[in-house]
Amino acid sequence: MPMDTHTQRVLDLASQKGLLRASDLDAIKAPRVVLTRLTAAGLLEKIGRGLYRLPNQPVSEHDSLAMVAAKVPQAVFCLLTALQFHGLTTQLPRQIWIAMPRGSHTPRIDYPPIRMVQMTGDAHAAGIEEHLRDGVKLRVYSAAKTIVDCFRHRNKIGLDVALEALKDAWRTRKASADDLWRYAKVCRVANVMRPYMEVVAHQ
């Protein structure tokens, strides 16, 4: 029966990818009704609109990021979410912070809650790193670019958070002065950051 081969293919794909999007089935030419059947049979778990995974799969700390990245591949994790990813904050953000090009609509996601920041040109394109987690490619700003963004959006997240991140990154050498300076110029916050950079450098 062809249905069984579809079932096996979909389950193989789910174990390989970690998170399965409904659209992933097109690549293996499996009808989407297979997802409904597998979910009803308890062989797959639906975790969001059009998003599935194998049941009893251990939930990783990057689970919610992987869910967002699977639905919005062009999103770049930024600000508090990127700080947490790089281990540069004690804060646990209630929302997933993503950056999108100016003019983008906020993606419609049921879960997890997201907060979108619009960025233009180089400020959006600079400093993007790609990390593979749970079989999903996460686009995250580098530690240095994230710190610069925190100063740029200090009215949204608080200057104290930006300062804490700058000090931590400096102490743990997760961001070099050159990188910080380069991104500060790209994001036009060099004048804002200069006094703080000087203080940290002399501590």
N, C-alpha and C. Protein backbone atom coordinates (compact mmCIF):
# COMPACT_ATOMS: atom_id res chain seq x y z
N MET A 1 0.85 -1.21 0.00
CA MET A 1 0.00 0.00 0.00
C MET A 1 0.89 1.25 0.00
N PRO A 2 0.60 2.21 -0.89
CA PRO A 2 1.45 3.40 -0.96
C PRO A 2 1.40 4.23 0.32
N MET A 3 0.26 4.15 1.02
CA MET A 3 0.11 4.95 2.24
C MET A 3 1.23 4.64 3.24
N ASP A 4 1.59 3.35 3.32
CA ASP A 4 2.62 2.95 4.29
C ASP A 4 3.98 3.55 3.95
N THR A 5 4.29 3.61 2.65
CA THR A 5 5.57 4.20 2.29
C THR A 5 5.57 5.68 2.63
N HIS A 6 4.44 6.34 2.41
CA HIS A 6 4.33 7.77 2.78
C HIS A 6 4.54 7.93 4.29
N THR A 7 3.85 7.07 5.05
CA THR A 7 3.94 7.14 6.51
C THR A 7 5.40 7.02 6.95
N GLN A 8 6.08 6.00 6.42
CA GLN A 8 7.47 5.76 6.81
C GLN A 8 8.35 6.95 6.42
N ARG A 9 8.11 7.46 5.22
CA ARG A 9 8.92 8.59 4.74
C ARG A 9 8.74 9.82 5.62
N VAL A 10 7.49 10.07 6.00
CA VAL A 10 7.20 11.24 6.83
C VAL A 10 7.83 11.08 8.21
N LEU A 11 7.74 9.89 8.78
CA LEU A 11 8.34 9.65 10.10
C LEU A 11 9.87 9.74 10.03
N ASP A 12 10.44 9.24 8.95
CA ASP A 12 11.90 9.35 8.77
C ASP A 12 12.32 10.81 8.69
N LEU A 13 11.53 11.57 7.93
CA LEU A 13 11.85 13.00 7.76
C LEU A 13 11.74 13.73 9.10
N ALA A 14 10.71 13.36 9.89
CA ALA A 14 10.52 14.00 11.20
C ALA A 14 11.69 13.70 12.12
N SER A 15 12.19 12.46 12.10
CA SER A 15 13.31 12.13 13.00
C SER A 15 14.60 12.80 12.52
N GLN A 16 14.70 12.97 11.20
CA GLN A 16 15.90 13.60 10.65
C GLN A 16 15.91 15.11 10.91
N LYS A 17 14.74 15.75 10.74
CA LYS A 17 14.67 17.22 10.85
C LYS A 17 14.43 17.72 12.27
N GLY A 18 13.82 16.89 13.11
CA GLY A 18 13.49 17.36 14.45
C GLY A 18 12.13 18.05 14.46
N LEU A 19 12.01 19.13 13.70
CA LEU A 19 10.72 19.81 13.54
C LEU A 19 10.29 19.69 12.09
N LEU A 20 9.08 19.28 11.90
CA LEU A 20 8.56 19.03 10.55
C LEU A 20 7.50 20.07 10.21
N ARG A 21 7.69 20.77 9.09
CA ARG A 21 6.66 21.69 8.61
C ARG A 21 5.77 20.95 7.63
N ALA A 22 4.52 21.34 7.55
CA ALA A 22 3.62 20.72 6.58
C ALA A 22 4.20 20.83 5.17
N SER A 23 4.84 21.96 4.88
CA SER A 23 5.38 22.19 3.53
C SER A 23 6.56 21.26 3.22
N ASP A 24 7.20 20.67 4.27
CA ASP A 24 8.32 19.76 4.02
C ASP A 24 7.87 18.50 3.28
N LEU A 25 6.59 18.19 3.35
CA LEU A 25 6.09 16.98 2.70
C LEU A 25 6.13 17.07 1.18
N ASP A 26 6.13 18.31 0.67
CA ASP A 26 6.17 18.47 -0.79
C ASP A 26 7.43 17.84 -1.37
N ALA A 27 8.55 17.96 -0.64
CA ALA A 27 9.83 17.45 -1.13
C ALA A 27 9.81 15.93 -1.28
N ILE A 28 9.04 15.25 -0.44
CA ILE A 28 9.00 13.78 -0.54
C ILE A 28 7.67 13.32 -1.18
N LYS A 29 6.96 14.28 -1.77
CA LYS A 29 5.71 14.01 -2.51
C LYS A 29 4.71 13.18 -1.68
N ALA A 30 4.59 13.55 -0.41
CA ALA A 30 3.62 12.88 0.45
C ALA A 30 2.43 13.81 0.66
N PRO A 31 1.21 13.31 0.59
CA PRO A 31 0.04 14.17 0.81
C PRO A 31 -0.04 14.62 2.27
N ARG A 32 -0.55 15.83 2.47
CA ARG A 32 -0.55 16.38 3.83
C ARG A 32 -1.52 15.67 4.77
N VAL A 33 -2.45 14.93 4.18
CA VAL A 33 -3.40 14.19 5.02
C VAL A 33 -2.66 13.16 5.89
N VAL A 34 -1.47 12.76 5.44
CA VAL A 34 -0.67 11.82 6.23
C VAL A 34 -0.39 12.40 7.62
N LEU A 35 -0.15 13.72 7.68
CA LEU A 35 0.12 14.37 8.97
C LEU A 35 -1.07 14.21 9.92
N THR A 36 -2.25 14.42 9.38
CA THR A 36 -3.48 14.29 10.19
C THR A 36 -3.60 12.87 10.74
N ARG A 37 -3.35 11.89 9.84
CA ARG A 37 -3.48 10.49 10.25
C ARG A 37 -2.44 10.13 11.31
N LEU A 38 -1.20 10.56 11.08
CA LEU A 38 -0.13 10.22 12.03
C LEU A 38 -0.37 10.88 13.39
N THR A 39 -0.90 12.11 13.36
CA THR A 39 -1.20 12.80 14.62
C THR A 39 -2.32 12.08 15.36
N ALA A 40 -3.36 11.67 14.62
CA ALA A 40 -4.48 10.95 15.23
C ALA A 40 -4.02 9.61 15.82
N ALA A 41 -3.03 9.00 15.16
CA ALA A 41 -2.53 7.70 15.62
C ALA A 41 -1.50 7.84 16.75
N GLY A 42 -1.16 9.12 17.08
CA GLY A 42 -0.20 9.34 18.15
C GLY A 42 1.26 9.15 17.74
N LEU A 43 1.49 9.04 16.42
CA LEU A 43 2.86 8.85 15.93
C LEU A 43 3.57 10.19 15.70
N LEU A 44 2.77 11.25 15.59
CA LEU A 44 3.32 12.60 15.48
C LEU A 44 2.59 13.49 16.45
N GLU A 45 3.23 14.56 16.85
CA GLU A 45 2.63 15.52 17.79
C GLU A 45 2.56 16.86 17.08
N LYS A 46 1.39 17.48 17.11
CA LYS A 46 1.25 18.81 16.50
C LYS A 46 1.59 19.85 17.56
N ILE A 47 2.58 20.71 17.27
CA ILE A 47 3.00 21.66 18.30
C ILE A 47 2.69 23.11 17.92
N GLY A 48 2.09 23.30 16.76
CA GLY A 48 1.73 24.65 16.34
C GLY A 48 1.09 24.54 14.97
N ARG A 49 0.63 25.64 14.44
CA ARG A 49 -0.02 25.60 13.13
C ARG A 49 0.98 25.13 12.07
N GLY A 50 0.72 23.96 11.47
CA GLY A 50 1.58 23.43 10.41
C GLY A 50 2.95 22.97 10.88
N LEU A 51 3.06 22.66 12.20
CA LEU A 51 4.37 22.27 12.75
C LEU A 51 4.21 21.00 13.59
N TYR A 52 5.04 20.00 13.29
CA TYR A 52 4.91 18.69 13.93
C TYR A 52 6.27 18.18 14.38
N ARG A 53 6.25 17.23 15.34
CA ARG A 53 7.49 16.53 15.69
C ARG A 53 7.11 15.16 16.26
N LEU A 54 8.11 14.32 16.41
CA LEU A 54 7.86 12.99 16.98
C LEU A 54 7.53 13.15 18.46
N PRO A 55 6.57 12.37 18.96
CA PRO A 55 6.25 12.48 20.40
C PRO A 55 7.43 12.00 21.24
N ASN A 56 7.45 12.43 22.49
CA ASN A 56 8.51 12.06 23.45
C ASN A 56 9.90 12.54 23.02
N GLN A 57 9.92 13.50 22.11
CA GLN A 57 11.23 14.03 21.74
C GLN A 57 11.65 14.99 22.84
N PRO A 58 12.89 14.86 23.33
CA PRO A 58 13.29 15.76 24.41
C PRO A 58 13.22 17.21 23.96
N VAL A 59 12.68 18.06 24.82
CA VAL A 59 12.57 19.47 24.49
C VAL A 59 13.89 20.14 24.85
N SER A 60 14.49 20.80 23.88
CA SER A 60 15.78 21.44 24.16
C SER A 60 15.54 22.89 24.55
N GLU A 61 16.59 23.53 25.05
CA GLU A 61 16.47 24.93 25.45
C GLU A 61 16.21 25.83 24.24
N HIS A 62 16.53 25.32 23.04
CA HIS A 62 16.32 26.12 21.84
C HIS A 62 15.03 25.75 21.11
N ASP A 63 14.19 24.99 21.80
CA ASP A 63 12.96 24.49 21.19
C ASP A 63 12.10 25.62 20.61
N SER A 64 11.86 26.67 21.40
CA SER A 64 10.98 27.74 20.92
C SER A 64 11.63 28.51 19.78
N LEU A 65 12.98 28.64 19.80
CA LEU A 65 13.66 29.31 18.69
C LEU A 65 13.52 28.49 17.42
N ALA A 66 13.69 27.17 17.57
CA ALA A 66 13.57 26.29 16.41
C ALA A 66 12.16 26.36 15.83
N MET A 67 11.15 26.48 16.70
CA MET A 67 9.76 26.58 16.21
C MET A 67 9.57 27.85 15.39
N VAL A 68 10.13 28.96 15.88
CA VAL A 68 9.99 30.23 15.15
C VAL A 68 10.76 30.16 13.83
N ALA A 69 11.99 29.63 13.89
CA ALA A 69 12.82 29.56 12.68
C ALA A 69 12.20 28.66 11.61
N ALA A 70 11.54 27.59 12.06
CA ALA A 70 10.90 26.68 11.10
C ALA A 70 9.75 27.38 10.38
N LYS A 71 9.07 28.27 11.09
CA LYS A 71 7.93 28.97 10.47
C LYS A 71 8.35 30.22 9.73
N VAL A 72 9.36 30.90 10.24
CA VAL A 72 9.79 32.18 9.63
C VAL A 72 11.30 32.10 9.39
N PRO A 73 11.71 31.36 8.34
CA PRO A 73 13.15 31.12 8.13
C PRO A 73 13.97 32.39 7.96
N GLN A 74 13.32 33.48 7.50
CA GLN A 74 14.09 34.73 7.27
C GLN A 74 14.28 35.55 8.54
N ALA A 75 13.65 35.14 9.64
CA ALA A 75 13.78 35.90 10.89
C ALA A 75 15.20 35.78 11.44
N VAL A 76 15.69 36.87 12.04
CA VAL A 76 17.00 36.83 12.71
C VAL A 76 16.75 37.09 14.19
N PHE A 77 17.22 36.20 15.05
CA PHE A 77 17.02 36.38 16.49
C PHE A 77 17.92 37.50 16.98
N CYS A 78 17.32 38.41 17.76
CA CYS A 78 18.04 39.63 18.13
C CYS A 78 17.77 40.00 19.59
N LEU A 79 18.42 41.09 20.02
CA LEU A 79 18.20 41.70 21.33
C LEU A 79 18.19 40.67 22.46
N LEU A 80 17.16 40.65 23.31
CA LEU A 80 17.20 39.80 24.50
C LEU A 80 17.33 38.32 24.15
N THR A 81 16.69 37.90 23.05
CA THR A 81 16.75 36.49 22.66
C THR A 81 18.17 36.12 22.24
N ALA A 82 18.82 36.99 21.47
CA ALA A 82 20.20 36.73 21.05
C ALA A 82 21.16 36.80 22.25
N LEU A 83 20.91 37.73 23.18
CA LEU A 83 21.74 37.80 24.39
C LEU A 83 21.67 36.48 25.15
N GLN A 84 20.45 35.97 25.28
CA GLN A 84 20.26 34.70 26.00
C GLN A 84 20.98 33.58 25.26
N PHE A 85 20.88 33.57 23.94
CA PHE A 85 21.53 32.54 23.12
C PHE A 85 23.04 32.54 23.35
N HIS A 86 23.62 33.75 23.44
CA HIS A 86 25.07 33.87 23.63
C HIS A 86 25.49 33.82 25.11
N GLY A 87 24.52 33.64 26.01
CA GLY A 87 24.83 33.56 27.44
C GLY A 87 25.30 34.89 28.01
N LEU A 88 24.68 35.97 27.54
CA LEU A 88 25.12 37.31 27.97
C LEU A 88 24.07 38.07 28.77
N THR A 89 23.10 37.36 29.29
CA THR A 89 22.10 38.06 30.12
C THR A 89 21.55 37.12 31.17
N THR A 90 21.14 37.72 32.28
CA THR A 90 20.48 36.93 33.33
C THR A 90 18.96 36.98 33.12
N GLN A 91 18.53 37.82 32.17
CA GLN A 91 17.09 37.97 31.92
C GLN A 91 16.55 36.76 31.15
N LEU A 92 15.33 36.40 31.44
CA LEU A 92 14.66 35.37 30.65
C LEU A 92 13.53 36.06 29.89
N PRO A 93 13.76 36.37 28.62
CA PRO A 93 12.73 37.11 27.89
C PRO A 93 11.42 36.32 27.78
N ARG A 94 10.31 37.03 27.96
CA ARG A 94 9.00 36.38 27.85
C ARG A 94 8.61 36.18 26.39
N GLN A 95 9.24 36.95 25.50
CA GLN A 95 8.92 36.84 24.08
C GLN A 95 10.19 36.51 23.32
N ILE A 96 10.02 35.98 22.13
CA ILE A 96 11.16 35.72 21.25
C ILE A 96 11.33 36.98 20.40
N TRP A 97 12.49 37.60 20.48
CA TRP A 97 12.76 38.82 19.73
C TRP A 97 13.35 38.47 18.36
N ILE A 98 12.70 38.97 17.31
CA ILE A 98 13.23 38.73 15.96
C ILE A 98 13.37 40.05 15.20
N ALA A 99 14.35 40.08 14.31
CA ALA A 99 14.54 41.24 13.44
C ALA A 99 14.10 40.85 12.03
N MET A 100 13.39 41.77 11.39
CA MET A 100 12.94 41.56 10.00
C MET A 100 13.23 42.84 9.24
N PRO A 101 13.35 42.74 7.90
CA PRO A 101 13.59 43.95 7.11
C PRO A 101 12.44 44.94 7.25
N ARG A 102 12.75 46.23 7.15
CA ARG A 102 11.72 47.26 7.26
C ARG A 102 10.60 47.01 6.26
N GLY A 103 9.36 47.19 6.72
CA GLY A 103 8.21 46.96 5.84
C GLY A 103 7.62 45.57 5.98
N SER A 104 8.29 44.71 6.78
CA SER A 104 7.77 43.34 6.98
C SER A 104 6.55 43.39 7.90
N HIS A 105 5.64 42.46 7.67
CA HIS A 105 4.52 42.31 8.61
C HIS A 105 4.95 41.37 9.72
N THR A 106 4.41 41.57 10.91
CA THR A 106 4.71 40.66 12.01
C THR A 106 4.17 39.28 11.64
N PRO A 107 5.02 38.25 11.69
CA PRO A 107 4.54 36.90 11.32
C PRO A 107 3.42 36.45 12.25
N ARG A 108 2.48 35.72 11.69
CA ARG A 108 1.36 35.21 12.50
C ARG A 108 1.75 33.86 13.07
N ILE A 109 2.07 33.86 14.34
CA ILE A 109 2.49 32.62 15.01
C ILE A 109 1.66 32.51 16.29
N ASP A 110 1.05 31.33 16.50
CA ASP A 110 0.24 31.14 17.71
C ASP A 110 1.16 31.06 18.93
N TYR A 111 2.25 30.33 18.77
CA TYR A 111 3.16 30.10 19.89
C TYR A 111 4.53 29.80 19.31
N PRO A 112 5.61 30.24 19.96
CA PRO A 112 5.71 31.09 21.15
C PRO A 112 5.45 32.56 20.81
N PRO A 113 5.21 33.41 21.83
CA PRO A 113 4.97 34.83 21.56
C PRO A 113 6.22 35.50 21.00
N ILE A 114 6.05 36.30 19.96
CA ILE A 114 7.22 36.96 19.37
C ILE A 114 7.08 38.47 19.42
N ARG A 115 8.22 39.12 19.37
CA ARG A 115 8.27 40.58 19.30
C ARG A 115 9.19 40.93 18.14
N MET A 116 8.69 41.70 17.19
CA MET A 116 9.46 41.99 15.99
C MET A 116 10.04 43.39 16.02
N VAL A 117 11.30 43.50 15.59
CA VAL A 117 11.96 44.80 15.42
C VAL A 117 12.29 44.91 13.93
N GLN A 118 11.99 46.06 13.34
CA GLN A 118 12.32 46.24 11.92
C GLN A 118 13.68 46.92 11.80
N MET A 119 14.50 46.42 10.91
CA MET A 119 15.82 47.01 10.67
C MET A 119 16.00 47.22 9.17
N THR A 120 16.85 48.20 8.83
CA THR A 120 17.05 48.50 7.41
C THR A 120 18.47 48.15 6.97
N GLY A 121 18.61 47.84 5.70
CA GLY A 121 19.91 47.71 5.04
C GLY A 121 20.96 46.97 5.81
N ASP A 122 22.14 47.63 5.96
CA ASP A 122 23.28 46.99 6.63
C ASP A 122 22.99 46.68 8.09
N ALA A 123 22.18 47.53 8.74
CA ALA A 123 21.87 47.30 10.16
C ALA A 123 21.15 45.96 10.31
N HIS A 124 20.40 45.55 9.27
CA HIS A 124 19.71 44.26 9.31
C HIS A 124 20.63 43.13 8.85
N ALA A 125 21.42 43.38 7.83
CA ALA A 125 22.21 42.31 7.20
C ALA A 125 23.50 41.97 7.93
N ALA A 126 24.04 42.92 8.70
CA ALA A 126 25.37 42.71 9.31
C ALA A 126 25.32 41.78 10.52
N GLY A 127 26.35 40.96 10.64
CA GLY A 127 26.55 40.17 11.87
C GLY A 127 25.64 38.98 12.06
N ILE A 128 25.05 38.46 10.97
CA ILE A 128 24.16 37.29 11.12
C ILE A 128 25.00 36.01 11.14
N GLU A 129 24.80 35.20 12.16
CA GLU A 129 25.43 33.88 12.25
C GLU A 129 24.36 32.82 12.05
N GLU A 130 24.77 31.66 11.56
CA GLU A 130 23.82 30.55 11.41
C GLU A 130 24.25 29.41 12.33
N HIS A 131 23.31 28.94 13.13
CA HIS A 131 23.58 27.84 14.06
C HIS A 131 22.54 26.76 13.82
N LEU A 132 22.98 25.51 13.79
CA LEU A 132 22.03 24.41 13.62
C LEU A 132 21.63 23.88 14.99
N ARG A 133 20.35 23.94 15.28
CA ARG A 133 19.82 23.42 16.56
C ARG A 133 18.54 22.64 16.27
N ASP A 134 18.44 21.45 16.84
CA ASP A 134 17.24 20.62 16.66
C ASP A 134 16.92 20.42 15.18
N GLY A 135 17.95 20.33 14.36
CA GLY A 135 17.73 20.11 12.92
C GLY A 135 17.23 21.32 12.18
N VAL A 136 17.19 22.48 12.85
CA VAL A 136 16.69 23.71 12.22
C VAL A 136 17.81 24.76 12.22
N LYS A 137 17.91 25.48 11.10
CA LYS A 137 18.93 26.53 11.02
C LYS A 137 18.41 27.78 11.70
N LEU A 138 19.13 28.24 12.73
CA LEU A 138 18.77 29.46 13.43
C LEU A 138 19.67 30.59 12.95
N ARG A 139 19.08 31.70 12.57
CA ARG A 139 19.84 32.89 12.21
C ARG A 139 19.85 33.81 13.42
N VAL A 140 21.05 34.03 13.97
CA VAL A 140 21.19 34.81 15.21
C VAL A 140 22.26 35.87 14.99
N TYR A 141 22.02 37.08 15.48
CA TYR A 141 23.08 38.09 15.40
C TYR A 141 24.24 37.69 16.32
N SER A 142 25.46 38.01 15.88
CA SER A 142 26.66 37.72 16.68
C SER A 142 26.56 38.48 18.01
N ALA A 143 27.40 38.06 18.95
CA ALA A 143 27.39 38.71 20.27
C ALA A 143 27.65 40.22 20.14
N ALA A 144 28.66 40.59 19.34
CA ALA A 144 29.00 42.02 19.20
C ALA A 144 27.85 42.80 18.57
N LYS A 145 27.26 42.27 17.51
CA LYS A 145 26.16 42.97 16.84
C LYS A 145 24.96 43.08 17.78
N THR A 146 24.71 42.04 18.56
CA THR A 146 23.58 42.05 19.51
C THR A 146 23.74 43.15 20.55
N ILE A 147 24.96 43.29 21.07
CA ILE A 147 25.22 44.33 22.09
C ILE A 147 24.98 45.72 21.50
N VAL A 148 25.47 45.92 20.27
CA VAL A 148 25.25 47.21 19.60
C VAL A 148 23.75 47.46 19.41
N ASP A 149 23.03 46.43 18.99
CA ASP A 149 21.57 46.56 18.83
C ASP A 149 20.89 46.93 20.15
N CYS A 150 21.41 46.38 21.25
CA CYS A 150 20.83 46.68 22.56
C CYS A 150 20.98 48.16 22.90
N PHE A 151 22.13 48.73 22.54
CA PHE A 151 22.31 50.18 22.76
C PHE A 151 21.39 50.97 21.83
N ARG A 152 21.24 50.47 20.62
CA ARG A 152 20.39 51.18 19.66
C ARG A 152 18.92 51.15 20.09
N HIS A 153 18.51 50.04 20.66
CA HIS A 153 17.10 49.89 21.08
C HIS A 153 16.99 49.94 22.60
N ARG A 154 17.86 50.76 23.23
CA ARG A 154 17.89 50.82 24.70
C ARG A 154 16.56 51.29 25.29
N ASN A 155 15.80 52.08 24.52
CA ASN A 155 14.50 52.53 25.04
C ASN A 155 13.50 51.37 25.11
N LYS A 156 13.76 50.29 24.33
CA LYS A 156 12.85 49.13 24.36
C LYS A 156 13.24 48.14 25.45
N ILE A 157 14.55 47.97 25.66
CA ILE A 157 14.97 46.90 26.58
C ILE A 157 15.66 47.41 27.84
N GLY A 158 16.02 48.71 27.85
CA GLY A 158 16.67 49.27 29.04
C GLY A 158 18.18 49.36 28.88
N LEU A 159 18.72 50.52 29.25
CA LEU A 159 20.16 50.75 29.14
C LEU A 159 20.94 49.81 30.06
N ASP A 160 20.35 49.47 31.22
CA ASP A 160 21.04 48.58 32.17
C ASP A 160 21.32 47.21 31.56
N VAL A 161 20.37 46.72 30.74
CA VAL A 161 20.54 45.42 30.09
C VAL A 161 21.68 45.49 29.07
N ALA A 162 21.72 46.59 28.31
CA ALA A 162 22.77 46.78 27.30
C ALA A 162 24.15 46.85 27.98
N LEU A 163 24.21 47.57 29.11
CA LEU A 163 25.48 47.71 29.83
C LEU A 163 25.95 46.39 30.42
N GLU A 164 25.02 45.65 31.01
CA GLU A 164 25.35 44.34 31.59
C GLU A 164 25.93 43.43 30.51
N ALA A 165 25.30 43.44 29.33
CA ALA A 165 25.75 42.59 28.22
C ALA A 165 27.13 43.01 27.74
N LEU A 166 27.35 44.33 27.66
CA LEU A 166 28.65 44.84 27.22
C LEU A 166 29.76 44.38 28.19
N LYS A 167 29.49 44.52 29.48
CA LYS A 167 30.49 44.12 30.49
C LYS A 167 30.76 42.62 30.43
N ASP A 168 29.68 41.83 30.34
CA ASP A 168 29.83 40.36 30.28
C ASP A 168 30.63 39.93 29.06
N ALA A 169 30.30 40.52 27.91
CA ALA A 169 30.96 40.13 26.67
C ALA A 169 32.44 40.51 26.72
N TRP A 170 32.71 41.65 27.34
CA TRP A 170 34.09 42.12 27.45
C TRP A 170 34.89 41.17 28.36
N ARG A 171 34.27 40.83 29.49
CA ARG A 171 34.93 39.97 30.48
C ARG A 171 35.18 38.56 29.92
N THR A 172 34.20 38.03 29.18
CA THR A 172 34.30 36.65 28.67
C THR A 172 34.91 36.61 27.27
N ARG A 173 35.29 37.79 26.76
CA ARG A 173 35.88 37.92 25.41
C ARG A 173 34.99 37.34 24.31
N LYS A 174 33.68 37.53 24.48
CA LYS A 174 32.76 37.07 23.43
C LYS A 174 32.59 38.11 22.33
N ALA A 175 33.07 39.32 22.59
CA ALA A 175 32.98 40.38 21.57
C ALA A 175 34.25 41.22 21.66
N SER A 176 34.87 41.46 20.52
CA SER A 176 36.10 42.27 20.52
C SER A 176 35.75 43.74 20.34
N ALA A 177 36.67 44.60 20.77
CA ALA A 177 36.46 46.04 20.60
C ALA A 177 36.29 46.40 19.13
N ASP A 178 37.07 45.74 18.27
CA ASP A 178 36.98 46.02 16.83
C ASP A 178 35.59 45.72 16.28
N ASP A 179 35.08 44.55 16.66
CA ASP A 179 33.74 44.15 16.18
C ASP A 179 32.67 45.10 16.70
N LEU A 180 32.75 45.40 17.99
CA LEU A 180 31.76 46.31 18.59
C LEU A 180 31.78 47.66 17.87
N TRP A 181 32.97 48.14 17.62
CA TRP A 181 33.13 49.44 16.99
C TRP A 181 32.57 49.45 15.57
N ARG A 182 32.89 48.35 14.85
CA ARG A 182 32.43 48.25 13.46
C ARG A 182 30.90 48.28 13.38
N TYR A 183 30.26 47.47 14.22
CA TYR A 183 28.79 47.43 14.21
C TYR A 183 28.18 48.72 14.75
N ALA A 184 28.87 49.35 15.70
CA ALA A 184 28.37 50.61 16.26
C ALA A 184 28.29 51.67 15.15
N LYS A 185 29.26 51.63 14.23
CA LYS A 185 29.24 52.59 13.12
C LYS A 185 28.13 52.24 12.13
N VAL A 186 28.00 50.95 11.82
CA VAL A 186 26.95 50.50 10.89
C VAL A 186 25.57 50.90 11.43
N CYS A 187 25.38 50.72 12.73
CA CYS A 187 24.06 50.99 13.34
C CYS A 187 23.93 52.43 13.86
N ARG A 188 24.96 53.23 13.60
CA ARG A 188 24.94 54.66 13.96
C ARG A 188 24.73 54.92 15.45
N VAL A 189 25.41 54.13 16.27
CA VAL A 189 25.35 54.40 17.72
C VAL A 189 26.76 54.55 18.31
N ALA A 190 27.74 54.84 17.45
CA ALA A 190 29.12 54.96 17.94
C ALA A 190 29.23 56.03 19.02
N ASN A 191 28.58 57.17 18.82
CA ASN A 191 28.67 58.26 19.81
C ASN A 191 28.01 57.88 21.13
N VAL A 192 26.92 57.13 21.04
CA VAL A 192 26.22 56.68 22.26
C VAL A 192 27.11 55.71 23.03
N MET A 193 27.77 54.80 22.29
CA MET A 193 28.52 53.72 22.95
C MET A 193 29.91 54.13 23.42
N ARG A 194 30.49 55.16 22.78
CA ARG A 194 31.89 55.51 23.08
C ARG A 194 32.19 55.62 24.57
N PRO A 195 31.44 56.43 25.35
CA PRO A 195 31.78 56.56 26.77
C PRO A 195 31.70 55.24 27.54
N TYR A 196 30.72 54.40 27.20
CA TYR A 196 30.58 53.12 27.90
C TYR A 196 31.72 52.17 27.54
N MET A 197 32.10 52.18 26.27
CA MET A 197 33.21 51.34 25.81
C MET A 197 34.50 51.73 26.53
N GLU A 198 34.70 53.04 26.70
CA GLU A 198 35.94 53.51 27.34
C GLU A 198 35.97 53.07 28.80
N VAL A 199 34.83 53.19 29.48
CA VAL A 199 34.75 52.78 30.89
C VAL A 199 35.07 51.28 31.03
N VAL A 200 34.42 50.47 30.18
CA VAL A 200 34.60 49.02 30.27
C VAL A 200 36.05 48.65 29.96
N ALA A 201 36.63 49.31 28.96
CA ALA A 201 38.00 49.00 28.54
C ALA A 201 39.01 49.28 29.66
N HIS A 202 38.69 50.24 30.53
CA HIS A 202 39.63 50.60 31.59
C HIS A 202 39.36 49.90 32.92
N GLN A 203 38.36 49.07 32.93
CA GLN A 203 38.05 48.38 34.20
C GLN A 203 39.00 47.21 34.43
